[in-house]
PDB file of N, CA and C in Angstrom:
ATOM      1  N   GLU A   1     -16.948  36.140 180.597  1.00  0.00           N
ATOM      2  CA  GLU A   1     -17.161  37.440 181.206  1.00  0.00           C
ATOM      3  C   GLU A   1     -16.744  37.359 182.682  1.00  0.00           C
ATOM      4  N   ALA A   2     -15.946  38.281 183.098  1.00  0.00           N
ATOM      5  CA  ALA A   2     -15.455  38.291 184.473  1.00  0.00           C
ATOM      6  C   ALA A   2     -16.525  38.820 185.422  1.00  0.00           C
ATOM      7  N   LEU A   3     -16.541  38.261 186.614  1.00  0.00           N
ATOM      8  CA  LEU A   3     -17.456  38.741 187.646  1.00  0.00           C
ATOM      9  C   LEU A   3     -16.783  39.845 188.434  1.00  0.00           C
ATOM     10  N   LEU A   4     -17.547  40.864 188.747  1.00  0.00           N
ATOM     11  CA  LEU A   4     -17.032  41.962 189.551  1.00  0.00           C
ATOM     12  C   LEU A   4     -17.529  41.813 190.972  1.00  0.00           C
ATOM     13  N   HIS A   5     -16.668  42.040 191.943  1.00  0.00           N
ATOM     14  CA  HIS A   5     -17.066  42.011 193.343  1.00  0.00           C
ATOM     15  C   HIS A   5     -17.646  43.369 193.693  1.00  0.00           C
ATOM     16  N   LEU A   6     -18.821  43.352 194.253  1.00  0.00           N
ATOM     17  CA  LEU A   6     -19.487  44.587 194.630  1.00  0.00           C
ATOM     18  C   LEU A   6     -19.892  44.463 196.087  1.00  0.00           C
ATOM     19  N   GLY A   7     -19.459  45.410 196.888  1.00  0.00           N
ATOM     20  CA  GLY A   7     -19.809  45.386 198.303  1.00  0.00           C
ATOM     21  C   GLY A   7     -20.737  46.532 198.635  1.00  0.00           C
ATOM     22  N   LEU A   8     -21.778  46.201 199.342  1.00  0.00           N
ATOM     23  CA  LEU A   8     -22.742  47.206 199.761  1.00  0.00           C
ATOM     24  C   LEU A   8     -23.001  47.050 201.245  1.00  0.00           C
ATOM     25  N   GLY A   9     -23.347  48.130 201.880  1.00  0.00           N
ATOM     26  CA  GLY A   9     -23.705  48.075 203.290  1.00  0.00           C
ATOM     27  C   GLY A   9     -24.543  49.276 203.653  1.00  0.00           C
ATOM     28  N   LEU A  10     -25.318  49.129 204.679  1.00  0.00           N
ATOM     29  CA  LEU A  10     -26.123  50.222 205.194  1.00  0.00           C
ATOM     30  C   LEU A  10     -25.650  50.496 206.609  1.00  0.00           C
ATOM     31  N   PHE A  11     -25.077  51.667 206.807  1.00  0.00           N
ATOM     32  CA  PHE A  11     -24.515  52.049 208.092  1.00  0.00           C
ATOM     33  C   PHE A  11     -25.156  53.366 208.525  1.00  0.00           C
ATOM     34  N   PRO A  12     -26.339  53.300 209.151  1.00  0.00           N
ATOM     35  CA  PRO A  12     -27.108  54.519 209.417  1.00  0.00           C
ATOM     36  C   PRO A  12     -26.412  55.542 210.309  1.00  0.00           C
ATOM     37  N   LEU A  13     -25.673  55.113 211.309  1.00  0.00           N
ATOM     38  CA  LEU A  13     -25.031  56.094 212.191  1.00  0.00           C
ATOM     39  C   LEU A  13     -23.910  56.844 211.488  1.00  0.00           C
ATOM     40  N   THR A  14     -23.082  56.134 210.740  1.00  0.00           N
ATOM     41  CA  THR A  14     -21.987  56.819 210.055  1.00  0.00           C
ATOM     42  C   THR A  14     -22.499  57.633 208.865  1.00  0.00           C
ATOM     43  N   SER A  15     -23.689  57.325 208.365  1.00  0.00           N
ATOM     44  CA  SER A  15     -24.236  58.128 207.266  1.00  0.00           C
ATOM     45  C   SER A  15     -24.587  59.540 207.741  1.00  0.00           C
ATOM     46  N   LEU A  16     -24.676  59.735 209.043  1.00  0.00           N
ATOM     47  CA  LEU A  16     -24.963  61.057 209.599  1.00  0.00           C
ATOM     48  C   LEU A  16     -23.708  61.897 209.807  1.00  0.00           C
ATOM     49  N   MET A  17     -22.543  61.293 209.629  1.00  0.00           N
ATOM     50  CA  MET A  17     -21.286  62.005 209.853  1.00  0.00           C
ATOM     51  C   MET A  17     -20.960  62.925 208.682  1.00  0.00           C
ATOM     52  N   ASN A  18     -20.366  64.052 208.986  1.00  0.00           N
ATOM     53  CA  ASN A  18     -20.000  65.040 207.978  1.00  0.00           C
ATOM     54  C   ASN A  18     -18.607  64.797 207.428  1.00  0.00           C
ATOM     55  N   HIS A  19     -18.388  65.348 206.236  1.00  0.00           N
ATOM     56  CA  HIS A  19     -17.081  65.317 205.576  1.00  0.00           C
ATOM     57  C   HIS A  19     -16.200  66.433 206.122  1.00  0.00           C
ATOM     58  N   SER A  20     -14.917  66.179 206.131  1.00  0.00           N
ATOM     59  CA  SER A  20     -13.938  67.223 206.399  1.00  0.00           C
ATOM     60  C   SER A  20     -12.742  67.001 205.490  1.00  0.00           C
ATOM     61  N   CYS A  21     -12.169  68.091 205.008  1.00  0.00           N
ATOM     62  CA  CYS A  21     -10.933  68.006 204.231  1.00  0.00           C
ATOM     63  C   CYS A  21      -9.753  67.739 205.155  1.00  0.00           C
ATOM     64  N   ASP A  22      -9.962  67.937 206.460  1.00  0.00           N
ATOM     65  CA  ASP A  22      -8.965  67.657 207.489  1.00  0.00           C
ATOM     66  C   ASP A  22      -9.631  66.784 208.555  1.00  0.00           C
ATOM     67  N   PRO A  23      -9.888  65.505 208.220  1.00  0.00           N
ATOM     68  CA  PRO A  23     -10.676  64.651 209.101  1.00  0.00           C
ATOM     69  C   PRO A  23      -9.954  64.285 210.397  1.00  0.00           C
ATOM     70  N   ASN A  24     -10.748  63.974 211.429  1.00  0.00           N
ATOM     71  CA  ASN A  24     -10.159  63.515 212.684  1.00  0.00           C
ATOM     72  C   ASN A  24     -10.350  62.009 212.869  1.00  0.00           C
ATOM     73  N   CYS A  25     -11.043  61.353 211.932  1.00  0.00           N
ATOM     74  CA  CYS A  25     -11.169  59.898 211.987  1.00  0.00           C
ATOM     75  C   CYS A  25     -11.285  59.340 210.565  1.00  0.00           C
ATOM     76  N   SER A  26     -11.123  58.051 210.476  1.00  0.00           N
ATOM     77  CA  SER A  26     -11.237  57.375 209.182  1.00  0.00           C
ATOM     78  C   SER A  26     -12.022  56.084 209.404  1.00  0.00           C
ATOM     79  N   HIS A  27     -12.427  55.468 208.322  1.00  0.00           N
ATOM     80  CA  HIS A  27     -13.204  54.243 208.446  1.00  0.00           C
ATOM     81  C   HIS A  27     -12.597  53.129 207.614  1.00  0.00           C
ATOM     82  N   THR A  28     -12.825  51.924 208.092  1.00  0.00           N
ATOM     83  CA  THR A  28     -12.485  50.709 207.366  1.00  0.00           C
ATOM     84  C   THR A  28     -13.663  49.756 207.508  1.00  0.00           C
ATOM     85  N   PHE A  29     -13.704  48.763 206.662  1.00  0.00           N
ATOM     86  CA  PHE A  29     -14.748  47.757 206.725  1.00  0.00           C
ATOM     87  C   PHE A  29     -14.112  46.431 207.105  1.00  0.00           C
ATOM     88  N   SER A  30     -14.825  45.643 207.873  1.00  0.00           N
ATOM     89  CA  SER A  30     -14.316  44.328 208.252  1.00  0.00           C
ATOM     90  C   SER A  30     -15.456  43.322 208.256  1.00  0.00           C
ATOM     91  N   ARG A  31     -15.072  42.079 208.203  1.00  0.00           N
ATOM     92  CA  ARG A  31     -16.022  40.962 208.277  1.00  0.00           C
ATOM     93  C   ARG A  31     -15.421  39.895 209.171  1.00  0.00           C
ATOM     94  N   GLU A  32     -16.264  39.275 209.958  1.00  0.00           N
ATOM     95  CA  GLU A  32     -15.801  38.162 210.779  1.00  0.00           C
ATOM     96  C   GLU A  32     -15.671  36.901 209.940  1.00  0.00           C
ATOM     97  N   SER A  33     -16.483  36.796 208.883  1.00  0.00           N
ATOM     98  CA  SER A  33     -16.398  35.664 207.958  1.00  0.00           C
ATOM     99  C   SER A  33     -16.781  36.154 206.565  1.00  0.00           C
ATOM    100  N   LEU A  34     -16.465  35.372 205.563  1.00  0.00           N
ATOM    101  CA  LEU A  34     -16.782  35.766 204.194  1.00  0.00           C
ATOM    102  C   LEU A  34     -18.280  35.836 203.943  1.00  0.00           C
ATOM    103  N   ARG A  35     -19.050  35.100 204.686  1.00  0.00           N
ATOM    104  CA  ARG A  35     -20.498  35.095 204.493  1.00  0.00           C
ATOM    105  C   ARG A  35     -21.217  36.026 205.465  1.00  0.00           C
ATOM    106  N   GLY A  36     -20.523  36.532 206.442  1.00  0.00           N
ATOM    107  CA  GLY A  36     -21.145  37.401 207.429  1.00  0.00           C
ATOM    108  C   GLY A  36     -21.307  38.817 206.922  1.00  0.00           C
ATOM    109  N   PRO A  37     -22.153  39.582 207.590  1.00  0.00           N
ATOM    110  CA  PRO A  37     -22.346  40.971 207.177  1.00  0.00           C
ATOM    111  C   PRO A  37     -21.117  41.816 207.502  1.00  0.00           C
ATOM    112  N   PRO A  38     -20.857  42.832 206.702  1.00  0.00           N
ATOM    113  CA  PRO A  38     -19.712  43.698 207.005  1.00  0.00           C
ATOM    114  C   PRO A  38     -20.046  44.618 208.176  1.00  0.00           C
ATOM    115  N   SER A  39     -19.013  45.055 208.834  1.00  0.00           N
ATOM    116  CA  SER A  39     -19.173  46.081 209.867  1.00  0.00           C
ATOM    117  C   SER A  39     -18.208  47.216 209.530  1.00  0.00           C
ATOM    118  N   ILE A  40     -18.522  48.388 210.032  1.00  0.00           N
ATOM    119  CA  ILE A  40     -17.669  49.544 209.781  1.00  0.00           C
ATOM    120  C   ILE A  40     -16.932  49.864 211.081  1.00  0.00           C
ATOM    121  N   VAL A  41     -15.667  50.183 210.952  1.00  0.00           N
ATOM    122  CA  VAL A  41     -14.833  50.513 212.102  1.00  0.00           C
ATOM    123  C   VAL A  41     -14.320  51.933 211.912  1.00  0.00           C
ATOM    124  N   MET A  42     -14.610  52.807 212.856  1.00  0.00           N
ATOM    125  CA  MET A  42     -14.117  54.184 212.817  1.00  0.00           C
ATOM    126  C   MET A  42     -12.913  54.266 213.747  1.00  0.00           C
ATOM    127  N   ARG A  43     -11.836  54.905 213.273  1.00  0.00           N
ATOM    128  CA  ARG A  43     -10.608  55.049 214.063  1.00  0.00           C
ATOM    129  C   ARG A  43     -10.183  56.511 214.083  1.00  0.00           C
ATOM    130  N   ALA A  44      -9.757  56.948 215.250  1.00  0.00           N
ATOM    131  CA  ALA A  44      -9.271  58.320 215.394  1.00  0.00           C
ATOM    132  C   ALA A  44      -7.931  58.467 214.682  1.00  0.00           C
ATOM    133  N   LEU A  45      -7.761  59.579 213.980  1.00  0.00           N
ATOM    134  CA  LEU A  45      -6.498  59.891 213.317  1.00  0.00           C
ATOM    135  C   LEU A  45      -5.611  60.775 214.191  1.00  0.00           C
ATOM    136  N   ARG A  46      -6.210  61.335 215.225  1.00  0.00           N
ATOM    137  CA  ARG A  46      -5.489  62.196 216.165  1.00  0.00           C
ATOM    138  C   ARG A  46      -6.300  62.249 217.448  1.00  0.00           C
ATOM    139  N   ASP A  47      -5.783  62.907 218.472  1.00  0.00           N
ATOM    140  CA  ASP A  47      -6.550  63.096 219.696  1.00  0.00           C
ATOM    141  C   ASP A  47      -7.780  63.940 219.381  1.00  0.00           C
ATOM    142  N   ILE A  48      -8.911  63.545 219.930  1.00  0.00           N
ATOM    143  CA  ILE A  48     -10.175  64.239 219.689  1.00  0.00           C
ATOM    144  C   ILE A  48     -10.672  64.780 221.025  1.00  0.00           C
ATOM    145  N   GLU A  49     -10.957  66.073 221.026  1.00  0.00           N
ATOM    146  CA  GLU A  49     -11.422  66.732 222.249  1.00  0.00           C
ATOM    147  C   GLU A  49     -12.850  66.302 222.583  1.00  0.00           C
ATOM    148  N   GLU A  50     -13.185  66.280 223.859  1.00  0.00           N
ATOM    149  CA  GLU A  50     -14.538  65.989 224.283  1.00  0.00           C
ATOM    150  C   GLU A  50     -15.498  67.010 223.655  1.00  0.00           C
ATOM    151  N   GLY A  51     -16.571  66.523 223.061  1.00  0.00           N
ATOM    152  CA  GLY A  51     -17.548  67.393 222.422  1.00  0.00           C
ATOM    153  C   GLY A  51     -17.225  67.753 220.980  1.00  0.00           C
ATOM    154  N   GLU A  52     -16.020  67.425 220.505  1.00  0.00           N
ATOM    155  CA  GLU A  52     -15.629  67.722 219.125  1.00  0.00           C
ATOM    156  C   GLU A  52     -16.382  66.791 218.166  1.00  0.00           C
ATOM    157  N   GLU A  53     -16.846  67.344 217.068  1.00  0.00           N
ATOM    158  CA  GLU A  53     -17.550  66.550 216.075  1.00  0.00           C
ATOM    159  C   GLU A  53     -16.599  65.549 215.418  1.00  0.00           C
ATOM    160  N   LEU A  54     -17.068  64.323 215.248  1.00  0.00           N
ATOM    161  CA  LEU A  54     -16.306  63.326 214.510  1.00  0.00           C
ATOM    162  C   LEU A  54     -16.584  63.529 213.030  1.00  0.00           C
ATOM    163  N   VAL A  55     -15.541  63.730 212.248  1.00  0.00           N
ATOM    164  CA  VAL A  55     -15.671  63.960 210.810  1.00  0.00           C
ATOM    165  C   VAL A  55     -14.656  63.098 210.069  1.00  0.00           C
ATOM    166  N   TYR A  56     -15.037  62.679 208.875  1.00  0.00           N
ATOM    167  CA  TYR A  56     -14.130  61.874 208.058  1.00  0.00           C
ATOM    168  C   TYR A  56     -14.202  62.340 206.609  1.00  0.00           C
ATOM    169  N   SER A  57     -13.300  61.844 205.812  1.00  0.00           N
ATOM    170  CA  SER A  57     -13.262  62.233 204.407  1.00  0.00           C
ATOM    171  C   SER A  57     -14.163  61.299 203.604  1.00  0.00           C
ATOM    172  N   TYR A  58     -15.020  61.872 202.773  1.00  0.00           N
ATOM    173  CA  TYR A  58     -15.891  61.078 201.921  1.00  0.00           C
ATOM    174  C   TYR A  58     -15.121  60.410 200.788  1.00  0.00           C
ATOM    175  N   VAL A  59     -13.915  60.859 200.530  1.00  0.00           N
ATOM    176  CA  VAL A  59     -13.102  60.289 199.452  1.00  0.00           C
ATOM    177  C   VAL A  59     -11.795  59.768 200.044  1.00  0.00           C
ATOM    178  N   ASP A  60     -11.137  58.904 199.302  1.00  0.00           N
ATOM    179  CA  ASP A  60      -9.879  58.323 199.773  1.00  0.00           C
ATOM    180  C   ASP A  60      -8.792  59.380 199.860  1.00  0.00           C
ATOM    181  N   LEU A  61      -8.137  59.441 201.010  1.00  0.00           N
ATOM    182  CA  LEU A  61      -7.116  60.459 201.241  1.00  0.00           C
ATOM    183  C   LEU A  61      -5.825  60.196 200.472  1.00  0.00           C
ATOM    184  N   TYR A  62      -5.620  58.978 199.998  1.00  0.00           N
ATOM    185  CA  TYR A  62      -4.388  58.668 199.268  1.00  0.00           C
ATOM    186  C   TYR A  62      -4.416  59.192 197.833  1.00  0.00           C
ATOM    187  N   GLN A  63      -5.567  59.642 197.361  1.00  0.00           N
ATOM    188  CA  GLN A  63      -5.655  60.199 196.011  1.00  0.00           C
ATOM    189  C   GLN A  63      -5.011  61.584 195.971  1.00  0.00           C
ATOM    190  N   ALA A  64      -4.557  61.976 194.814  1.00  0.00           N
ATOM    191  CA  ALA A  64      -4.000  63.316 194.632  1.00  0.00           C
ATOM    192  C   ALA A  64      -5.101  64.354 194.825  1.00  0.00           C
ATOM    193  N   THR A  65      -4.718  65.550 195.239  1.00  0.00           N
ATOM    194  CA  THR A  65      -5.688  66.618 195.512  1.00  0.00           C
ATOM    195  C   THR A  65      -6.635  66.879 194.339  1.00  0.00           C
ATOM    196  N   PRO A  66      -6.153  66.995 193.102  1.00  0.00           N
ATOM    197  CA  PRO A  66      -7.092  67.234 191.991  1.00  0.00           C
ATOM    198  C   PRO A  66      -8.127  66.113 191.845  1.00  0.00           C
ATOM    199  N   GLU A  67      -7.713  64.872 192.080  1.00  0.00           N
ATOM    200  CA  GLU A  67      -8.648  63.746 191.979  1.00  0.00           C
ATOM    201  C   GLU A  67      -9.694  63.811 193.088  1.00  0.00           C
ATOM    202  N   ARG A  68      -9.262  64.127 194.310  1.00  0.00           N
ATOM    203  CA  ARG A  68     -10.213  64.249 195.428  1.00  0.00           C
ATOM    204  C   ARG A  68     -11.205  65.375 195.160  1.00  0.00           C
ATOM    205  N   ARG A  69     -10.707  66.507 194.701  1.00  0.00           N
ATOM    206  CA  ARG A  69     -11.594  67.640 194.407  1.00  0.00           C
ATOM    207  C   ARG A  69     -12.609  67.293 193.327  1.00  0.00           C
ATOM    208  N   ALA A  70     -12.169  66.618 192.279  1.00  0.00           N
ATOM    209  CA  ALA A  70     -13.075  66.230 191.196  1.00  0.00           C
ATOM    210  C   ALA A  70     -14.135  65.262 191.706  1.00  0.00           C
ATOM    211  N   GLN A  71     -13.740  64.315 192.509  1.00  0.00           N
ATOM    212  CA  GLN A  71     -14.699  63.338 193.032  1.00  0.00           C
ATOM    213  C   GLN A  71     -15.716  64.007 193.958  1.00  0.00           C
ATOM    214  N   LEU A  72     -15.266  64.903 194.833  1.00  0.00           N
ATOM    215  CA  LEU A  72     -16.175  65.619 195.728  1.00  0.00           C
ATOM    216  C   LEU A  72     -17.140  66.498 194.936  1.00  0.00           C
ATOM    217  N   SER A  73     -16.635  67.157 193.921  1.00  0.00           N
ATOM    218  CA  SER A  73     -17.468  68.019 193.096  1.00  0.00           C
ATOM    219  C   SER A  73     -18.531  67.208 192.358  1.00  0.00           C
ATOM    220  N   HIS A  74     -18.115  66.104 191.776  1.00  0.00           N
ATOM    221  CA  HIS A  74     -19.021  65.288 190.983  1.00  0.00           C
ATOM    222  C   HIS A  74     -20.071  64.575 191.854  1.00  0.00           C
ATOM    223  N   ALA A  75     -19.650  63.999 192.973  1.00  0.00           N
ATOM    224  CA  ALA A  75     -20.552  63.181 193.782  1.00  0.00           C
ATOM    225  C   ALA A  75     -21.307  63.969 194.858  1.00  0.00           C
ATOM    226  N   TYR A  76     -20.677  65.028 195.383  1.00  0.00           N
ATOM    227  CA  TYR A  76     -21.271  65.720 196.535  1.00  0.00           C
ATOM    228  C   TYR A  76     -21.504  67.213 196.293  1.00  0.00           C
ATOM    229  N   PHE A  77     -21.072  67.719 195.155  1.00  0.00           N
ATOM    230  CA  PHE A  77     -21.324  69.105 194.741  1.00  0.00           C
ATOM    231  C   PHE A  77     -20.705  70.151 195.666  1.00  0.00           C
ATOM    232  N   PHE A  78     -19.507  69.866 196.182  1.00  0.00           N
ATOM    233  CA  PHE A  78     -18.752  70.883 196.915  1.00  0.00           C
ATOM    234  C   PHE A  78     -17.270  70.622 196.726  1.00  0.00           C
ATOM    235  N   ALA A  79     -16.467  71.597 197.126  1.00  0.00           N
ATOM    236  CA  ALA A  79     -15.016  71.485 196.953  1.00  0.00           C
ATOM    237  C   ALA A  79     -14.312  71.817 198.271  1.00  0.00           C
ATOM    238  N   CYS A  80     -13.276  71.064 198.547  1.00  0.00           N
ATOM    239  CA  CYS A  80     -12.401  71.385 199.684  1.00  0.00           C
ATOM    240  C   CYS A  80     -11.463  72.484 199.250  1.00  0.00           C
ATOM    241  N   ARG A  81     -11.154  73.342 200.172  1.00  0.00           N
ATOM    242  CA  ARG A  81     -10.219  74.420 199.888  1.00  0.00           C
ATOM    243  C   ARG A  81      -8.976  74.252 200.705  1.00  0.00           C
TER     244      ARG A  81
END
């Protein structure tokens, strides 16, 4: 039986961020070592105005639009238009 790699993390500050269908930032995960805890890195996708809310996509942007819509509907109960 093959083992599946499962990654989990608790990131309280980014859990407060809202979704946008047109996000101004994105996130990646990194580790300093294989045994160390993961960290989340937020990166701007464009210039962000002072006071502008930081928003990111809850789903992967590389997916086709129908797939993103289905995932948002199923997991978060809303749809991007």
